[in-house]
């Protein structure tokens, strides 16, 4: 699943959303399926960027 952000967002905003999602996942625990959060932005190292193409 992708979150459709159609406004200008930078690395700080993306990192904040990632942290928020990770916190929510910890709070919900076993009530939800595993969630793989893969941020993508220009300054992210290539090996981290390539995670978005991994099978889920």
Protein backbone atom coordinates (compact mmCIF):
# COMPACT_ATOMS: atom_id res chain seq x y z
CA UNK A 1 0.00 0.00 0.00
CA UNK A 2 1.23 3.46 -0.79
CA UNK A 3 0.20 6.61 1.01
CA UNK A 4 -0.71 9.22 -1.60
CA UNK A 5 1.12 12.38 -0.57
CA UNK A 6 0.57 14.91 -3.33
CA UNK A 7 2.01 17.89 -1.58
CA UNK A 8 5.66 18.78 -1.27
CA UNK A 9 7.22 16.74 1.50
CA UNK A 10 10.84 16.58 2.51
CA UNK A 11 12.94 14.04 4.34
CA UNK A 12 11.95 15.38 7.77
CA UNK A 13 8.24 14.99 7.08
CA UNK A 14 8.73 11.52 5.59
CA UNK A 15 10.80 10.42 8.60
CA UNK A 16 8.12 11.78 10.96
CA UNK A 17 5.38 9.82 9.16
CA UNK A 18 7.54 6.68 9.28
CA UNK A 19 8.10 7.07 13.04
CA UNK A 20 4.38 7.66 13.59
CA UNK A 21 3.46 4.54 11.61
CA UNK A 22 6.05 2.46 13.47
CA UNK A 23 4.69 3.68 16.80
CA UNK A 24 1.13 2.84 15.77
CA UNK A 25 2.24 -0.65 14.72
CA UNK A 26 3.89 -1.21 18.10
CA UNK A 27 0.76 -0.04 19.92
CA UNK A 28 -1.52 -2.28 17.85
CA UNK A 29 0.83 -5.25 18.17
CA UNK A 30 -0.74 -8.51 17.03
CA UNK A 31 -4.04 -6.81 16.12
CA UNK A 32 -2.63 -6.01 12.68
CA UNK A 33 -0.59 -7.87 10.07
CA UNK A 34 3.09 -7.13 9.66
CA UNK A 35 3.69 -3.77 8.01
CA UNK A 36 6.85 -3.00 6.05
CA UNK A 37 7.42 0.75 5.94
CA UNK A 38 9.68 1.82 3.07
CA UNK A 39 10.35 5.55 2.84
CA UNK A 40 11.71 6.94 -0.41
CA UNK A 41 13.47 10.25 -0.97
CA UNK A 42 16.51 11.47 -2.93
CA UNK A 43 19.04 11.49 -0.06
CA UNK A 44 18.24 7.92 0.97
CA UNK A 45 21.11 5.52 0.14
CA UNK A 46 20.46 3.42 -2.98
CA UNK A 47 20.29 0.14 -1.04
CA UNK A 48 17.51 1.58 1.12
CA UNK A 49 15.70 3.00 -1.93
CA UNK A 50 15.72 -0.41 -3.59
CA UNK A 51 13.64 -1.86 -0.72
CA UNK A 52 10.50 -0.47 -2.36
CA UNK A 53 10.94 -3.01 -5.16
CA UNK A 54 11.20 -6.06 -2.89
CA UNK A 55 8.29 -8.51 -3.04
CA UNK A 56 5.82 -8.30 -0.18
